[in-house]
Amino acid sequence: MKIVVVGAGAVGLHLARTLSWEGHEVAIIDHLQELIDRAGGSMDVMALRGSGTSLSTLVQAGAPEADLLIAVTSVDEINIVACMLAKQLGVKTRIARVRNQEYSEPNSLVSLTELGIDQVIHPELEASREVVRMIRYQHAIDIIECAEAKMFLVGLRVELEAPIIGRRLCDLTPDFPDMPFRVVATVRDGQTIIPTGTDIIQQRDLAYVITHSEDLQRVFSLGGKPNEISRDVMLLGGGMIGRMVAEELEEDKKYNIKLIESDTERTQRAVQRLKNTMVVRCREGIDIDVLALEGIAEMGVFAALTDDDENNIVTSLFARHLKVGRTITLISKPEYMPIVRAIGLDAAVNERVQTSDAIVKYLLGGRIMAISSLRGTDADVIELVVSERSRAAGKRLREVEFPEGALVGAIDHMGDVTVAVGDSMVQAGDRLVIFCEPRAVSKLEKMFG
């Protein structure tokens, strides 16, 4: 597939790298020479300096022959115009990153579809959804809904008291016959391991487990996690992401929410939109005294959602120092993501990576139904449908030769979702949930498609 990416910032670079790795022919455009040099020097793509609103630049990038154009600059108007021009040049599919929610409202005077945009990606919305998941499932380092939310793939740190420590994976299933689950990966000392039945769970392993939604809490218990979760939540940052998180939590009517913001205009906007959230205005910058005065030590969850990465990291560390049960840190710079875990913070959310993943999901739609990167690993979880032409159809899993670095976690057969085992039968039309390394995605697509 021939793809043009407009914008070589963090999202554009992440997208271009992912798509190029999967074997697509990628051209990337940006007006900053340093970003173009970085793209051209680090990946197999055509890197062009120019504007996505320039017809000549788009033509030079090969847009008239392109299957897809993705506009992900930081300016909504550039992304919209790039898609409009791409439509005129004959690009088959156009995707734009658009932050301004006014464009997506039902009564908007402007129809993005009529302007030539097939899919709108909203980075703040993607990030806020991830933050809410992290709040609702407080014991999970990562959590992904699979098979239309009938199954969950959760990443959890194995605690000292966990009953599965020192046990071989093949011994766990007989001991818990009424609770189907499967450990599809472990991360130990930074190394991702796709396990076999003889592998042993160790303390502080990061274990990725797939199970039914109703068995999720029991899986947390196996990892040594307590049954209770806290309903007291403090959000630092009243920008778009902070407000979206508060609004969604308000719908649950289960949480006691306190939002801290320093900007007067953002504070007023939050007060107007939020009905059951206590909104507090503090001074500019990091104000540890305000957080302490507002009761951060009594909170069960602290989410740092400001526009300042360093502010978010420092305040999250302060929350950890006060033994707040769960910290969630919004990070805009991808290079900070490994640091967050290394210094002991629970979970980090990167809106740029979330945006990139959402675009990849849309791109693969129809063949691969969903794809998500797993936090703390070099692997993905994908959902794909088995076609009638697949050589795996009509066989048991143990009879199928899978590419290296791939493991089936669950099978959805006509709405009946089961944890996958060696004797599980694969049928045409089944939806498979597969844990895999990125290099195996294209092989799996050919194998089942």
Protein backbone atom coordinates (compact mmCIF):
# COMPACT_ATOMS: atom_id res chain seq x y z
CA MET A 1 0.00 0.00 0.00
CA LYS A 2 1.27 3.48 -0.88
CA ILE A 3 0.76 5.94 2.01
CA VAL A 4 1.47 9.67 2.42
CA VAL A 5 1.88 11.01 5.96
CA VAL A 6 1.60 14.79 6.45
CA GLY A 7 3.38 15.85 9.64
CA ALA A 8 6.64 14.41 10.98
CA GLY A 9 6.05 15.12 14.64
CA ALA A 10 5.82 12.37 17.25
CA VAL A 11 2.55 10.97 15.84
CA GLY A 12 3.68 11.14 12.22
CA LEU A 13 7.04 9.52 12.94
CA HIS A 14 5.42 6.76 15.00
CA LEU A 15 2.93 6.09 12.21
CA ALA A 16 5.52 6.16 9.44
CA ARG A 17 7.78 3.79 11.34
CA THR A 18 4.94 1.34 12.05
CA LEU A 19 3.61 1.38 8.48
CA SER A 20 7.07 1.10 6.94
CA TRP A 21 7.88 -1.83 9.23
CA GLU A 22 4.77 -3.59 7.96
CA GLY A 23 6.02 -3.30 4.41
CA HIS A 24 4.04 -0.30 3.11
CA GLU A 25 5.56 2.32 0.80
CA VAL A 26 5.56 5.51 2.89
CA ALA A 27 6.26 9.15 2.08
CA ILE A 28 6.33 11.73 4.91
CA ILE A 29 6.04 15.53 4.57
CA ASP A 30 6.93 18.30 7.02
CA HIS A 31 8.01 21.94 6.76
CA LEU A 32 10.77 21.55 9.37
CA GLN A 33 14.07 20.28 7.97
CA GLU A 34 15.21 18.79 11.30
CA LEU A 35 12.12 16.55 11.43
CA ILE A 36 12.60 15.48 7.82
CA ASP A 37 16.26 14.67 8.52
CA ARG A 38 15.20 12.58 11.52
CA ALA A 39 12.60 10.69 9.50
CA GLY A 40 14.86 10.07 6.51
CA GLY A 41 17.76 9.00 8.67
CA SER A 42 15.93 6.56 10.93
CA MET A 43 13.52 4.66 8.69
CA ASP A 44 12.92 3.43 5.15
CA VAL A 45 10.61 6.22 3.92
CA MET A 46 10.62 9.06 1.40
CA ALA A 47 11.06 12.24 3.48
CA LEU A 48 10.11 15.56 1.84
CA ARG A 49 10.37 19.09 3.18
CA GLY A 50 7.26 21.07 2.30
CA SER A 51 3.66 21.73 3.24
CA GLY A 52 0.72 19.36 3.19
CA THR A 53 -1.30 22.24 1.74
CA SER A 54 0.96 22.43 -1.34
CA LEU A 55 -0.24 20.60 -4.43
CA SER A 56 3.27 20.34 -5.83
CA THR A 57 4.59 18.79 -2.60
CA LEU A 58 1.73 16.28 -2.48
CA VAL A 59 2.34 15.33 -6.11
CA GLN A 60 6.06 14.94 -5.43
CA ALA A 61 5.22 12.63 -2.53
CA GLY A 62 3.16 10.46 -4.89
CA ALA A 63 -0.32 11.40 -3.67
CA PRO A 64 -2.02 10.84 -7.07
CA GLU A 65 -1.05 7.14 -6.85
CA ALA A 66 -1.52 6.81 -3.07
CA ASP A 67 -4.01 4.52 -1.39
CA LEU A 68 -4.05 6.56 1.82
CA LEU A 69 -3.17 10.03 3.10
CA ILE A 70 -2.90 10.65 6.84
CA ALA A 71 -2.65 14.29 7.99
CA VAL A 72 -1.42 14.52 11.58
CA THR A 73 0.19 17.95 11.97
CA SER A 74 -0.55 19.99 15.10
CA VAL A 75 -2.76 22.38 13.10
CA ASP A 76 -6.34 21.25 12.36
CA GLU A 77 -6.70 23.52 9.32
CA ILE A 78 -3.58 22.14 7.65
CA ASN A 79 -4.84 18.59 8.16
CA ILE A 80 -8.27 19.45 6.73
CA VAL A 81 -6.87 21.24 3.66
CA ALA A 82 -4.39 18.42 3.02
CA CYS A 83 -7.29 15.95 2.90
CA MET A 84 -9.30 18.24 0.62
CA LEU A 85 -6.40 18.41 -1.84
CA ALA A 86 -5.79 14.67 -1.52
CA LYS A 87 -9.38 14.00 -2.54
CA GLN A 88 -8.94 16.13 -5.66
CA LEU A 89 -5.72 14.25 -6.47
CA GLY A 90 -7.52 10.91 -6.27
CA VAL A 91 -6.19 9.53 -2.97
CA LYS A 92 -8.55 6.67 -2.08
CA THR A 93 -8.76 7.20 1.72
CA ARG A 94 -8.07 10.34 3.78
CA ILE A 95 -7.59 10.46 7.57
CA ALA A 96 -7.15 13.68 9.56
CA ARG A 97 -6.18 14.45 13.11
CA VAL A 98 -8.65 17.12 14.30
CA ARG A 99 -8.61 18.52 17.83
CA ASN A 100 -11.44 21.05 17.57
CA GLN A 101 -14.61 19.26 18.67
CA GLU A 102 -16.79 21.87 16.93
CA TYR A 103 -16.04 20.19 13.62
CA SER A 104 -17.47 16.89 14.87
CA GLU A 105 -20.65 18.18 16.51
CA PRO A 106 -23.93 17.07 14.87
CA ASN A 107 -25.08 20.65 14.26
CA SER A 108 -21.75 21.82 12.83
CA LEU A 109 -22.04 23.99 9.72
CA VAL A 110 -18.99 22.20 8.29
CA SER A 111 -19.17 18.54 7.29
CA LEU A 112 -15.72 16.98 7.41
CA THR A 113 -16.95 14.11 5.25
CA GLU A 114 -18.00 16.52 2.51
CA LEU A 115 -14.58 18.15 2.75
CA GLY A 116 -12.96 14.83 1.89
CA ILE A 117 -12.13 13.30 5.28
CA ASP A 118 -13.05 9.64 5.65
CA GLN A 119 -11.98 9.29 9.29
CA VAL A 120 -11.35 11.88 12.01
CA ILE A 121 -8.91 11.05 14.78
CA HIS A 122 -9.28 13.03 18.03
CA PRO A 123 -6.08 12.71 20.10
CA GLU A 124 -7.52 14.13 23.34
CA LEU A 125 -10.50 11.78 23.16
CA GLU A 126 -8.25 8.74 22.65
CA ALA A 127 -6.06 9.78 25.59
CA SER A 128 -9.02 10.50 27.91
CA ARG A 129 -10.53 7.08 27.20
CA GLU A 130 -7.24 5.45 28.15
CA VAL A 131 -7.03 7.45 31.39
CA VAL A 132 -10.59 6.44 32.33
CA ARG A 133 -9.73 2.76 31.73
CA MET A 134 -6.73 3.14 34.02
CA ILE A 135 -8.95 4.63 36.74
CA ARG A 136 -11.67 2.00 36.45
CA TYR A 137 -9.20 -0.90 36.50
CA GLN A 138 -6.75 0.35 39.09
CA HIS A 139 -4.73 -2.85 39.45
CA ALA A 140 -3.89 -3.03 35.74
CA ILE A 141 -0.79 -1.51 34.21
CA ASP A 142 -2.47 -2.00 30.85
CA ILE A 143 -5.94 -3.20 29.89
CA ILE A 144 -7.43 -3.87 26.48
CA GLU A 145 -10.99 -4.89 25.68
CA CYS A 146 -11.18 -7.80 23.26
CA ALA A 147 -14.02 -9.57 21.45
CA GLU A 148 -16.45 -6.70 21.96
CA ALA A 149 -15.55 -6.39 25.68
CA LYS A 150 -16.35 -10.06 26.42
CA MET A 151 -12.67 -10.69 27.13
CA PHE A 152 -9.98 -8.51 28.67
CA LEU A 153 -6.24 -8.61 28.22
CA VAL A 154 -4.69 -7.15 31.36
CA GLY A 155 -1.13 -6.43 32.34
CA LEU A 156 -0.45 -6.66 36.06
CA ARG A 157 2.61 -6.67 38.26
CA VAL A 158 2.85 -9.92 40.25
CA GLU A 159 3.08 -9.10 43.97
CA LEU A 160 4.90 -10.99 46.72
CA GLU A 161 1.67 -12.46 48.09
CA ALA A 162 0.48 -13.76 44.71
CA PRO A 163 -0.55 -17.46 44.81
CA ILE A 164 0.85 -18.05 41.31
CA ILE A 165 4.48 -17.24 42.18
CA GLY A 166 6.81 -20.17 41.56
CA ARG A 167 4.16 -22.13 39.67
CA ARG A 168 4.49 -23.54 36.17
CA LEU A 169 1.89 -22.13 33.78
CA CYS A 170 0.72 -25.63 32.80
CA ASP A 171 -0.13 -26.32 36.48
CA LEU A 172 -2.38 -23.28 36.87
CA THR A 173 -5.26 -24.41 34.67
CA PRO A 174 -6.02 -27.64 36.60
CA ASP A 175 -5.89 -25.73 39.89
CA PHE A 176 -8.45 -23.15 38.73
CA PRO A 177 -10.86 -25.14 36.51
CA ASP A 178 -13.77 -22.73 37.02
CA MET A 179 -11.76 -19.67 35.97
CA PRO A 180 -10.52 -19.83 32.37
CA PHE A 181 -7.49 -17.61 31.81
CA ARG A 182 -4.24 -17.71 29.93
CA VAL A 183 -0.92 -15.96 30.51
CA VAL A 184 0.06 -14.87 27.01
CA ALA A 185 3.23 -12.97 27.91
CA THR A 186 5.52 -11.98 30.73
CA VAL A 187 8.03 -9.17 30.96
CA ARG A 188 11.07 -9.76 33.17
CA ASP A 189 14.05 -7.40 33.43
CA GLY A 190 12.77 -5.56 30.38
CA GLN A 191 12.61 -8.72 28.26
CA THR A 192 9.30 -9.76 26.69
CA ILE A 193 8.72 -13.53 26.91
CA ILE A 194 5.99 -15.42 25.05
CA PRO A 195 5.76 -18.34 27.45
CA THR A 196 5.35 -22.09 27.20
CA GLY A 197 3.63 -24.32 29.73
CA THR A 198 6.90 -24.96 31.60
CA ASP A 199 7.63 -21.29 32.26
CA ILE A 200 7.40 -20.18 35.91
CA ILE A 201 5.88 -16.93 37.22
CA GLN A 202 8.24 -14.92 39.42
CA GLN A 203 7.70 -12.05 41.83
CA ARG A 204 7.54 -8.61 40.15
CA ASP A 205 6.99 -10.13 36.71
CA LEU A 206 4.73 -8.07 34.48
CA ALA A 207 2.20 -10.70 33.40
CA TYR A 208 -0.28 -10.27 30.56
CA VAL A 209 -3.36 -12.39 31.15
CA ILE A 210 -6.45 -12.85 28.99
CA THR A 211 -9.72 -13.77 30.69
CA HIS A 212 -13.48 -13.23 30.64
CA SER A 213 -14.72 -9.88 31.90
CA GLU A 214 -16.53 -11.51 34.83
CA ASP A 215 -13.30 -13.21 35.98
CA LEU A 216 -11.18 -10.06 35.88
CA GLN A 217 -11.18 -9.39 39.63
CA ARG A 218 -10.24 -13.00 40.37
CA VAL A 219 -7.26 -12.69 38.02
CA PHE A 220 -6.17 -9.60 39.93
CA SER A 221 -6.37 -11.66 43.13
CA LEU A 222 -4.12 -14.32 41.57
CA GLY A 223 -1.59 -11.56 40.99
CA GLY A 224 -1.72 -10.62 44.66
CA LYS A 225 -3.93 -7.54 44.25
CA PRO A 226 -6.54 -6.51 46.86
CA ASN A 227 -10.24 -6.72 46.01
CA GLU A 228 -11.03 -3.10 46.87
CA ILE A 229 -10.53 -0.10 44.59
CA SER A 230 -10.72 3.54 45.57
CA ARG A 231 -13.45 5.91 44.38
CA ASP A 232 -11.55 9.07 45.41
CA VAL A 233 -9.90 10.62 42.35
CA MET A 234 -7.82 13.78 41.97
CA LEU A 235 -7.19 15.16 38.47
CA LEU A 236 -4.44 17.73 37.96
CA GLY A 237 -5.18 19.74 34.81
CA GLY A 238 -8.46 21.14 33.58
CA GLY A 239 -7.66 21.13 29.89
CA MET A 240 -9.61 19.15 27.34
CA ILE A 241 -8.32 15.76 28.52
CA GLY A 242 -8.95 16.52 32.20
CA ARG A 243 -12.50 17.70 31.49
CA MET A 244 -13.27 14.68 29.30
CA VAL A 245 -12.03 12.30 32.00
CA ALA A 246 -14.11 14.04 34.68
CA GLU A 247 -17.23 14.03 32.49
CA GLU A 248 -16.99 10.31 31.80
CA LEU A 249 -16.35 9.48 35.45
CA GLU A 250 -19.34 11.62 36.44
CA GLU A 251 -21.55 9.37 34.32
CA ASP A 252 -20.61 6.40 36.53
CA LYS A 253 -21.87 8.24 39.64
CA LYS A 254 -19.42 6.16 41.69
CA TYR A 255 -16.45 8.48 42.01
CA ASN A 256 -15.59 11.46 44.21
CA ILE A 257 -13.73 13.70 41.77
CA LYS A 258 -11.58 16.73 42.51
CA LEU A 259 -10.01 18.69 39.62
CA ILE A 260 -7.11 21.12 40.15
CA GLU A 261 -6.33 23.80 37.52
CA SER A 262 -4.20 26.97 37.52
CA ASP A 263 -5.56 28.76 34.45
CA THR A 264 -8.57 31.01 35.11
CA GLU A 265 -10.29 30.41 31.77
CA ARG A 266 -9.89 26.63 31.99
CA THR A 267 -11.14 26.67 35.56
CA GLN A 268 -14.27 28.58 34.55
CA ARG A 269 -14.89 26.23 31.64
CA ALA A 270 -14.56 23.21 33.92
CA VAL A 271 -16.97 24.73 36.45
CA GLN A 272 -19.53 25.30 33.69
CA ARG A 273 -19.30 21.82 32.20
CA LEU A 274 -18.81 19.61 35.26
CA LYS A 275 -21.77 19.01 37.57
CA ASN A 276 -20.47 16.58 40.19
CA THR A 277 -16.77 17.47 40.29
CA MET A 278 -15.11 19.78 42.81
CA VAL A 279 -13.04 22.26 40.77
CA VAL A 280 -10.20 24.07 42.55
CA ARG A 281 -8.04 26.83 41.09
CA CYS A 282 -4.40 26.96 42.19
CA ARG A 283 -1.44 29.20 41.36
CA GLU A 284 0.61 28.79 38.19
CA GLY A 285 3.11 25.95 37.97
CA ILE A 286 3.68 23.09 40.38
CA ASP A 287 2.10 23.87 43.74
CA ILE A 288 2.73 20.93 46.04
CA ASP A 289 1.20 22.81 48.97
CA VAL A 290 -2.14 23.12 47.15
CA LEU A 291 -2.17 19.39 46.35
CA ALA A 292 -1.44 18.59 49.99
CA LEU A 293 -4.06 21.05 51.23
CA GLU A 294 -6.67 19.56 48.87
CA GLY A 295 -6.10 16.10 50.30
CA ILE A 296 -3.90 14.28 47.79
CA ALA A 297 -2.70 11.93 50.56
CA GLU A 298 -6.28 10.67 51.04
CA MET A 299 -6.84 9.98 47.35
CA GLY A 300 -6.89 6.53 45.84
CA VAL A 301 -6.06 7.78 42.34
CA PHE A 302 -4.01 10.76 41.18
CA ALA A 303 -3.94 11.58 37.45
CA ALA A 304 -1.53 14.30 36.27
CA LEU A 305 -3.04 15.59 33.00
CA THR A 306 -1.46 19.01 32.42
CA ASP A 307 0.30 20.11 29.22
CA ASP A 308 3.68 19.99 30.98
CA ASP A 309 5.37 16.56 31.02
CA GLU A 310 7.85 17.51 33.74
CA ASN A 311 5.05 18.90 35.92
CA ASN A 312 3.10 15.66 35.47
CA ILE A 313 6.08 13.48 36.36
CA VAL A 314 7.05 15.49 39.45
CA THR A 315 3.52 15.65 40.87
CA SER A 316 3.01 11.93 40.20
CA LEU A 317 6.22 11.20 42.10
CA PHE A 318 4.91 13.35 44.95
CA ALA A 319 1.70 11.32 44.95
CA ARG A 320 3.70 8.07 45.06
CA HIS A 321 5.75 9.47 47.96
CA LEU A 322 2.48 10.02 49.83
CA LYS A 323 1.50 6.41 49.02
CA VAL A 324 -1.42 7.27 46.74
CA GLY A 325 -2.61 3.89 45.48
CA ARG A 326 -2.67 4.69 41.77
CA THR A 327 -0.87 7.31 39.68
CA ILE A 328 -1.57 8.05 36.02
CA THR A 329 0.80 10.35 34.16
CA LEU A 330 0.05 12.06 30.84
CA ILE A 331 3.18 12.19 28.68
CA SER A 332 3.48 13.95 25.34
CA LYS A 333 7.14 13.08 24.65
CA PRO A 334 7.48 9.40 23.70
CA GLU A 335 11.08 9.32 24.91
CA TYR A 336 9.81 9.84 28.47
CA MET A 337 7.65 6.71 28.44
CA PRO A 338 10.40 4.23 29.48
CA ILE A 339 11.55 6.64 32.20
CA VAL A 340 8.13 6.80 33.84
CA ARG A 341 8.13 3.11 34.67
CA ALA A 342 11.81 3.03 35.59
CA ILE A 343 11.28 5.65 38.32
CA GLY A 344 8.37 3.72 39.82
CA LEU A 345 5.23 5.38 38.45
CA ASP A 346 2.23 3.14 37.79
CA ALA A 347 0.88 4.05 34.38
CA ALA A 348 1.62 6.55 31.64
CA VAL A 349 -0.62 7.66 28.79
CA ASN A 350 0.80 9.16 25.61
CA GLU A 351 -1.85 10.85 23.48
CA ARG A 352 0.37 10.73 20.42
CA VAL A 353 0.84 6.97 20.63
CA GLN A 354 -2.89 6.58 21.32
CA THR A 355 -3.63 8.63 18.19
CA SER A 356 -1.23 6.57 16.12
CA ASP A 357 -2.75 3.30 17.36
CA ALA A 358 -6.26 4.56 16.53
CA ILE A 359 -5.16 5.35 12.96
CA VAL A 360 -3.51 1.93 12.55
CA LYS A 361 -6.73 0.27 13.79
CA TYR A 362 -8.73 2.12 11.14
CA LEU A 363 -6.16 1.33 8.45
CA LEU A 364 -6.31 -2.40 9.18
CA GLY A 365 -10.08 -2.49 9.59
CA GLY A 366 -11.80 -5.16 7.49
CA ARG A 367 -8.89 -7.55 7.63
CA ILE A 368 -7.57 -7.06 11.11
CA MET A 369 -10.40 -5.81 13.30
CA ALA A 370 -8.29 -4.20 16.02
CA ILE A 371 -4.67 -3.70 16.97
CA SER A 372 -3.26 -2.23 20.17
CA SER A 373 0.28 -1.80 21.45
CA LEU A 374 0.90 -3.34 24.85
CA ARG A 375 2.46 -1.10 27.49
CA GLY A 376 5.82 -2.31 28.73
CA THR A 377 6.35 -4.81 25.88
CA ASP A 378 7.53 -4.89 22.31
CA ALA A 379 4.33 -6.59 21.23
CA ASP A 380 0.74 -6.03 20.09
CA VAL A 381 -2.62 -7.64 20.61
CA ILE A 382 -4.66 -8.01 17.43
CA GLU A 383 -8.09 -9.33 16.53
CA LEU A 384 -8.63 -10.89 13.13
CA VAL A 385 -11.30 -12.95 11.40
CA VAL A 386 -10.50 -16.36 9.90
CA SER A 387 -11.46 -16.50 6.24
CA GLU A 388 -12.77 -19.57 4.45
CA ARG A 389 -9.56 -19.63 2.40
CA SER A 390 -7.33 -19.79 5.47
CA ARG A 391 -5.25 -22.95 5.74
CA ALA A 392 -5.91 -22.87 9.50
CA ALA A 393 -9.71 -23.23 9.13
CA GLY A 394 -10.97 -26.60 10.35
CA LYS A 395 -7.86 -27.37 12.40
CA ARG A 396 -7.05 -27.42 16.08
CA LEU A 397 -4.61 -24.79 17.33
CA ARG A 398 -1.95 -27.40 18.08
CA GLU A 399 -2.08 -28.45 14.39
CA VAL A 400 -1.49 -24.91 13.10
CA GLU A 401 2.07 -23.73 12.51
CA PHE A 402 2.11 -20.15 13.78
CA PRO A 403 4.80 -17.60 12.93
CA GLU A 404 7.43 -17.07 15.59
CA GLY A 405 6.35 -14.56 18.21
CA ALA A 406 2.59 -15.19 18.05
CA LEU A 407 0.18 -16.81 20.51
CA VAL A 408 -3.64 -17.12 20.33
CA GLY A 409 -5.28 -16.02 23.58
CA ALA A 410 -9.00 -16.37 22.82
CA ILE A 411 -11.45 -17.51 20.15
CA ASP A 412 -14.84 -15.94 19.46
CA HIS A 413 -17.01 -18.51 17.67
CA MET A 414 -20.43 -17.07 16.78
CA GLY A 415 -20.47 -14.96 19.95
CA ASP A 416 -19.24 -17.75 22.24
CA VAL A 417 -15.85 -16.57 23.51
CA THR A 418 -13.43 -19.05 25.05
CA VAL A 419 -9.85 -18.94 26.26
CA ALA A 420 -7.71 -20.68 23.64
CA VAL A 421 -5.97 -24.00 24.37
CA GLY A 422 -4.17 -26.49 22.16
CA ASP A 423 -7.35 -28.48 21.45
CA SER A 424 -9.38 -25.39 20.48
CA MET A 425 -10.84 -25.68 16.98
CA VAL A 426 -10.38 -22.84 14.48
CA GLN A 427 -13.32 -22.33 12.12
CA ALA A 428 -13.98 -19.98 9.23
CA GLY A 429 -15.63 -16.83 10.56
CA ASP A 430 -14.07 -17.15 14.02
CA ARG A 431 -12.51 -14.04 15.55
CA LEU A 432 -9.09 -14.71 17.08
CA VAL A 433 -7.42 -12.58 19.74
CA ILE A 434 -3.69 -12.95 19.21
CA PHE A 435 -0.70 -11.70 21.17
CA CYS A 436 2.22 -11.15 18.80
CA GLU A 437 5.37 -9.28 18.00
CA PRO A 438 4.84 -6.55 15.36
CA ARG A 439 6.90 -8.44 12.77
CA ALA A 440 4.37 -11.28 12.88
CA VAL A 441 1.31 -9.14 12.05
CA SER A 442 1.61 -9.32 8.26
CA LYS A 443 2.29 -13.09 8.41
CA LEU A 444 -0.81 -13.64 10.56
CA GLU A 445 -2.87 -11.55 8.16
CA LYS A 446 -1.79 -13.74 5.24
CA MET A 447 -2.28 -16.89 7.27
CA PHE A 448 -5.89 -16.20 8.27
CA GLY A 449 -7.00 -13.79 5.54
